[in-house]
Amino acid sequence: MEAWRIFATALFVAAGVTLVLLTMATVRERTHSGGQTAVAGAIGLAAMLIIGVLLATTLPAAVSWAIVIVAGVVVTTMVLTS
């Protein structure tokens, strides 16, 4: 496996975990429901894992890095606005 794939996947997973946690916090604040928070976390984690596997195996370099950059921008924006 190419080194850039490992690096891009690691960066995406770091951003993805942060996104999942921020999403769960937002859902918890808005709904005050532990069940809906767990569902949001499960959906976010599943989406992150699917995208991470695609980054590590099949997606071309340009698409992979675009996904990593978008995830980084979204995490930065969510952290700064919360």
N, C-alpha and C. Protein backbone atom coordinates (compact mmCIF):
# COMPACT_ATOMS: atom_id res chain seq x y z
N MET A 1 0.84 -1.17 0.00
CA MET A 1 0.00 0.00 0.00
C MET A 1 0.90 1.24 0.00
N GLU A 2 0.49 2.23 -0.79
CA GLU A 2 1.28 3.45 -0.88
C GLU A 2 1.22 4.24 0.42
N ALA A 3 2.30 4.95 0.68
CA ALA A 3 2.39 5.73 1.92
C ALA A 3 1.37 6.86 1.96
N TRP A 4 1.06 7.46 0.81
CA TRP A 4 0.11 8.56 0.81
C TRP A 4 -1.27 8.08 1.20
N ARG A 5 -1.63 6.85 0.85
CA ARG A 5 -2.94 6.31 1.25
C ARG A 5 -3.04 6.16 2.76
N ILE A 6 -1.97 5.68 3.37
CA ILE A 6 -1.96 5.51 4.82
C ILE A 6 -2.05 6.87 5.50
N PHE A 7 -1.29 7.83 5.01
CA PHE A 7 -1.29 9.16 5.60
C PHE A 7 -2.66 9.84 5.44
N ALA A 8 -3.24 9.76 4.25
CA ALA A 8 -4.55 10.37 4.00
C ALA A 8 -5.63 9.71 4.86
N THR A 9 -5.57 8.40 4.98
CA THR A 9 -6.56 7.69 5.80
C THR A 9 -6.41 8.06 7.27
N ALA A 10 -5.19 8.16 7.75
CA ALA A 10 -4.97 8.54 9.15
C ALA A 10 -5.48 9.95 9.42
N LEU A 11 -5.23 10.88 8.52
CA LEU A 11 -5.74 12.24 8.69
C LEU A 11 -7.26 12.26 8.66
N PHE A 12 -7.86 11.48 7.76
CA PHE A 12 -9.31 11.44 7.68
C PHE A 12 -9.92 10.83 8.94
N VAL A 13 -9.31 9.77 9.46
CA VAL A 13 -9.84 9.13 10.67
C VAL A 13 -9.75 10.10 11.85
N ALA A 14 -8.68 10.85 11.96
CA ALA A 14 -8.57 11.83 13.03
C ALA A 14 -9.67 12.89 12.92
N ALA A 15 -9.89 13.38 11.72
CA ALA A 15 -10.96 14.36 11.51
C ALA A 15 -12.32 13.71 11.69
N GLY A 16 -12.47 12.47 11.24
CA GLY A 16 -13.76 11.79 11.34
C GLY A 16 -14.18 11.52 12.77
N VAL A 17 -13.25 11.13 13.61
CA VAL A 17 -13.59 10.89 15.02
C VAL A 17 -14.06 12.20 15.66
N THR A 18 -13.37 13.27 15.35
CA THR A 18 -13.77 14.57 15.88
C THR A 18 -15.15 14.96 15.37
N LEU A 19 -15.41 14.73 14.09
CA LEU A 19 -16.73 15.04 13.53
C LEU A 19 -17.84 14.23 14.19
N VAL A 20 -17.59 12.95 14.41
CA VAL A 20 -18.60 12.10 15.05
C VAL A 20 -18.89 12.61 16.46
N LEU A 21 -17.86 12.94 17.21
CA LEU A 21 -18.07 13.43 18.57
C LEU A 21 -18.79 14.77 18.59
N LEU A 22 -18.44 15.67 17.69
CA LEU A 22 -19.12 16.96 17.62
C LEU A 22 -20.57 16.81 17.20
N THR A 23 -20.83 15.90 16.29
CA THR A 23 -22.20 15.63 15.86
C THR A 23 -23.02 15.05 17.01
N MET A 24 -22.44 14.13 17.74
CA MET A 24 -23.15 13.55 18.88
C MET A 24 -23.45 14.62 19.94
N ALA A 25 -22.51 15.52 20.17
CA ALA A 25 -22.75 16.59 21.14
C ALA A 25 -23.87 17.51 20.69
N THR A 26 -23.91 17.82 19.40
CA THR A 26 -24.97 18.68 18.87
C THR A 26 -26.32 18.01 18.99
N VAL A 27 -26.39 16.73 18.66
CA VAL A 27 -27.66 16.00 18.77
C VAL A 27 -28.10 15.95 20.23
N ARG A 28 -27.18 15.73 21.13
CA ARG A 28 -27.51 15.67 22.56
C ARG A 28 -28.05 17.00 23.06
N GLU A 29 -27.46 18.10 22.61
CA GLU A 29 -27.93 19.42 23.03
C GLU A 29 -29.32 19.72 22.50
N ARG A 30 -29.60 19.31 21.28
CA ARG A 30 -30.88 19.66 20.65
C ARG A 30 -32.03 18.75 21.06
N THR A 31 -31.75 17.47 21.30
CA THR A 31 -32.83 16.53 21.56
C THR A 31 -32.93 16.09 23.02
N HIS A 32 -31.86 16.19 23.77
CA HIS A 32 -31.82 15.69 25.16
C HIS A 32 -32.20 14.22 25.23
N SER A 33 -31.80 13.46 24.21
CA SER A 33 -32.13 12.05 24.13
C SER A 33 -30.86 11.23 23.92
N GLY A 34 -30.65 10.29 24.84
CA GLY A 34 -29.48 9.44 24.69
C GLY A 34 -29.59 8.48 23.52
N GLY A 35 -30.81 8.04 23.22
CA GLY A 35 -31.01 7.11 22.11
C GLY A 35 -30.70 7.74 20.77
N GLN A 36 -31.18 8.96 20.56
CA GLN A 36 -30.91 9.63 19.30
C GLN A 36 -29.44 9.99 19.18
N THR A 37 -28.81 10.27 20.31
CA THR A 37 -27.37 10.54 20.29
C THR A 37 -26.59 9.31 19.86
N ALA A 38 -26.99 8.15 20.38
CA ALA A 38 -26.32 6.90 20.01
C ALA A 38 -26.53 6.57 18.54
N VAL A 39 -27.73 6.81 18.04
CA VAL A 39 -28.01 6.56 16.62
C VAL A 39 -27.16 7.47 15.74
N ALA A 40 -27.08 8.74 16.11
CA ALA A 40 -26.25 9.68 15.33
C ALA A 40 -24.79 9.25 15.35
N GLY A 41 -24.31 8.79 16.50
CA GLY A 41 -22.93 8.31 16.59
C GLY A 41 -22.69 7.08 15.76
N ALA A 42 -23.63 6.15 15.77
CA ALA A 42 -23.48 4.92 14.99
C ALA A 42 -23.48 5.21 13.49
N ILE A 43 -24.37 6.10 13.05
CA ILE A 43 -24.42 6.45 11.63
C ILE A 43 -23.14 7.17 11.22
N GLY A 44 -22.68 8.10 12.03
CA GLY A 44 -21.45 8.81 11.72
C GLY A 44 -20.24 7.90 11.69
N LEU A 45 -20.16 6.98 12.64
CA LEU A 45 -19.04 6.04 12.68
C LEU A 45 -19.06 5.11 11.47
N ALA A 46 -20.24 4.63 11.09
CA ALA A 46 -20.34 3.75 9.93
C ALA A 46 -19.93 4.48 8.65
N ALA A 47 -20.38 5.72 8.49
CA ALA A 47 -20.01 6.50 7.31
C ALA A 47 -18.50 6.75 7.29
N MET A 48 -17.94 7.07 8.46
CA MET A 48 -16.51 7.32 8.54
C MET A 48 -15.72 6.06 8.18
N LEU A 49 -16.14 4.91 8.66
CA LEU A 49 -15.44 3.67 8.36
C LEU A 49 -15.51 3.31 6.88
N ILE A 50 -16.67 3.50 6.27
CA ILE A 50 -16.81 3.20 4.84
C ILE A 50 -15.91 4.10 4.01
N ILE A 51 -15.93 5.40 4.30
CA ILE A 51 -15.08 6.33 3.56
C ILE A 51 -13.61 6.04 3.82
N GLY A 52 -13.27 5.70 5.05
CA GLY A 52 -11.88 5.37 5.38
C GLY A 52 -11.38 4.16 4.61
N VAL A 53 -12.21 3.14 4.48
CA VAL A 53 -11.81 1.95 3.72
C VAL A 53 -11.64 2.30 2.25
N LEU A 54 -12.55 3.12 1.72
CA LEU A 54 -12.41 3.53 0.32
C LEU A 54 -11.14 4.36 0.11
N LEU A 55 -10.82 5.23 1.06
CA LEU A 55 -9.59 6.01 0.96
C LEU A 55 -8.37 5.10 0.94
N ALA A 56 -8.39 4.08 1.77
CA ALA A 56 -7.22 3.21 1.90
C ALA A 56 -7.08 2.24 0.74
N THR A 57 -8.16 2.01 -0.02
CA THR A 57 -8.08 0.95 -1.03
C THR A 57 -8.29 1.40 -2.47
N THR A 58 -9.33 2.17 -2.76
CA THR A 58 -9.71 2.33 -4.16
C THR A 58 -9.72 3.74 -4.72
N LEU A 59 -9.98 4.74 -3.92
CA LEU A 59 -10.15 6.09 -4.46
C LEU A 59 -8.84 6.64 -5.01
N PRO A 60 -8.91 7.41 -6.11
CA PRO A 60 -7.70 8.02 -6.65
C PRO A 60 -7.18 9.12 -5.72
N ALA A 61 -5.95 9.53 -5.95
CA ALA A 61 -5.28 10.47 -5.06
C ALA A 61 -6.01 11.80 -4.96
N ALA A 62 -6.45 12.35 -6.08
CA ALA A 62 -7.11 13.66 -6.05
C ALA A 62 -8.40 13.62 -5.23
N VAL A 63 -9.17 12.59 -5.41
CA VAL A 63 -10.43 12.45 -4.65
C VAL A 63 -10.14 12.24 -3.18
N SER A 64 -9.15 11.41 -2.88
CA SER A 64 -8.80 11.13 -1.48
C SER A 64 -8.38 12.40 -0.75
N TRP A 65 -7.49 13.16 -1.36
CA TRP A 65 -7.03 14.37 -0.71
C TRP A 65 -8.13 15.42 -0.62
N ALA A 66 -9.02 15.46 -1.61
CA ALA A 66 -10.15 16.39 -1.54
C ALA A 66 -11.04 16.05 -0.35
N ILE A 67 -11.29 14.77 -0.12
CA ILE A 67 -12.10 14.36 1.03
C ILE A 67 -11.42 14.73 2.33
N VAL A 68 -10.12 14.51 2.42
CA VAL A 68 -9.37 14.85 3.64
C VAL A 68 -9.42 16.36 3.89
N ILE A 69 -9.27 17.16 2.85
CA ILE A 69 -9.29 18.62 3.00
C ILE A 69 -10.68 19.09 3.43
N VAL A 70 -11.72 18.55 2.81
CA VAL A 70 -13.08 18.93 3.19
C VAL A 70 -13.37 18.55 4.64
N ALA A 71 -12.96 17.37 5.04
CA ALA A 71 -13.17 16.95 6.43
C ALA A 71 -12.43 17.87 7.39
N GLY A 72 -11.22 18.26 7.05
CA GLY A 72 -10.45 19.17 7.89
C GLY A 72 -11.10 20.53 8.01
N VAL A 73 -11.61 21.06 6.91
CA VAL A 73 -12.29 22.36 6.93
C VAL A 73 -13.57 22.29 7.76
N VAL A 74 -14.32 21.21 7.61
CA VAL A 74 -15.55 21.06 8.38
C VAL A 74 -15.26 20.96 9.87
N VAL A 75 -14.26 20.18 10.24
CA VAL A 75 -13.89 20.06 11.66
C VAL A 75 -13.45 21.42 12.20
N THR A 76 -12.62 22.12 11.48
CA THR A 76 -12.16 23.43 11.92
C THR A 76 -13.32 24.39 12.11
N THR A 77 -14.24 24.40 11.17
CA THR A 77 -15.40 25.28 11.26
C THR A 77 -16.28 24.92 12.45
N MET A 78 -16.53 23.63 12.64
CA MET A 78 -17.39 23.21 13.74
C MET A 78 -16.75 23.51 15.09
N VAL A 79 -15.47 23.34 15.21
CA VAL A 79 -14.79 23.62 16.48
C VAL A 79 -14.80 25.12 16.77
N LEU A 80 -14.57 25.93 15.75
CA LEU A 80 -14.54 27.37 15.96
C LEU A 80 -15.91 27.96 16.25
N THR A 81 -16.97 27.35 15.74
CA THR A 81 -18.31 27.90 15.96
C THR A 81 -18.98 27.33 17.21
N SER A 82 -18.44 26.28 17.80
CA SER A 82 -19.11 25.70 18.97
C SER A 82 -18.68 26.36 20.25
